[in-house]
C-alpha cells in the first residue's frame, strides 16, 4: 500500500511511506488463479491491483514505522474503467488535502492558503512492469499464502512476498477475500522484522463515492495562491547521465527534469527505477555548498535516503529498499559529458 516508492498511494500524503493505493491502480488487467493450485506472485499482485483500481471505498489509513512514528489519513476513492479519482485528507501533522485525478495531483495547504498542482505518474507499487507478460518480478520474489486473518472487520488472505536476494525488502500483504483489495501491508527486513506497517483501521467497501463531486473539490478557493510544478519529460542521456551497470531487477520507469528560474543553474533530474514492487528515485541537481552540507545514509521506517556529492553535482537516492541497493545505484551513476 507502495513506492514513494513502497506499497500504497496515500503513503506520500500521510508522510514517509510511498504512494500507495494510487500506484495499485496502474494496470487494468486481472489474472485468474491457476486451476487447482495456489496463485503465483503475478496472479496475487494483479488481483490486488485490479481491486484497488475499480473499487470505490472510504477508509481511514494508518502508517506506523518501526521507531513508533505514526501518521494517518482519510481516503475517498472512486475508480472505474476510465478514470481514478481520489481524495486523501491527512489527519496528523500539518493540515493537508491531496486530490488525484488520473495523473493530475492537487495539494491544498490551508496554513499557507496555497495550492500545489502537478502532473505525476503512478510509480511505486505495481508500476507498468505488470503490463508485460515478461515481467521479471517472479525472478526476484516468491509468493506464498500464509493463511487468513481479519482486518478492519473484513476477512483477508495473508500473502508473503519474499525477496530472493538482498537488494529488496519482503512484504506481508493482507488482501480482502472477495475483492482482493489490499487492506494491510507490512514491509519486512532480511530477518523478518517489521520496518513499516500500513493498514486500514476502518473501511467502507463499495461506498457511494462520486467522482464528479471529488473533481469539483479540486478547484482552488478564491484568494489562494496556485503553484504549478510540472516537470519536463526527458531521458538521462540527454541530461548527460548513465548507469555503468544495471542494478539487478530494477528497470528505468521514467525520467523528468524540473526547470529552474531564468538565470539559475541547470534544473534537477528525477530518474525512477522499479523492480515491479519497490521503487528507487535518483535526484541529481547542481551542488550548492549552503544547502548540500551532509553526505550520508538516513533511514525513516522502510525508506532509506542516501546523499552524495559527485563533482559539481549533488545526488540524492531514495527508496524503500535496503541501504546496499541505494549504494549500488550511487556507485553506478556516472557523468557522461
Foldseek 3Di string as FASTA:
>chain_A
DKACAGADQCDVVQDDHHGHLLLLQADQDADDAPPPDGRWPLNLSRLQSNLSAAWWKWFKKKKAFPVGDIWIWIKTWHHHPPWIWMWIFTDDDQTKIWIDIQQWIWIARVVQLEIEIEGHHSHHAQHCLSVDPPQCLVVFWTKDWPQWDDAQRAIWTWIKICTPDQWFWIKIFTAGVPRSHTAKMFTAHPVRDTRMIMGTNHMDIRDPRDRVVSVVVRDRDPPGHYHYFYWAWDDQVVVQKDFQDDDPQKDWDTKTWGQDPPPDDGTKMWTWIDNNHKIKIKIKDFDDCVPPPDFDWDDDRQKIWGWDDDVRMIIIMIISTDPVNSVSRVVGMDGRD
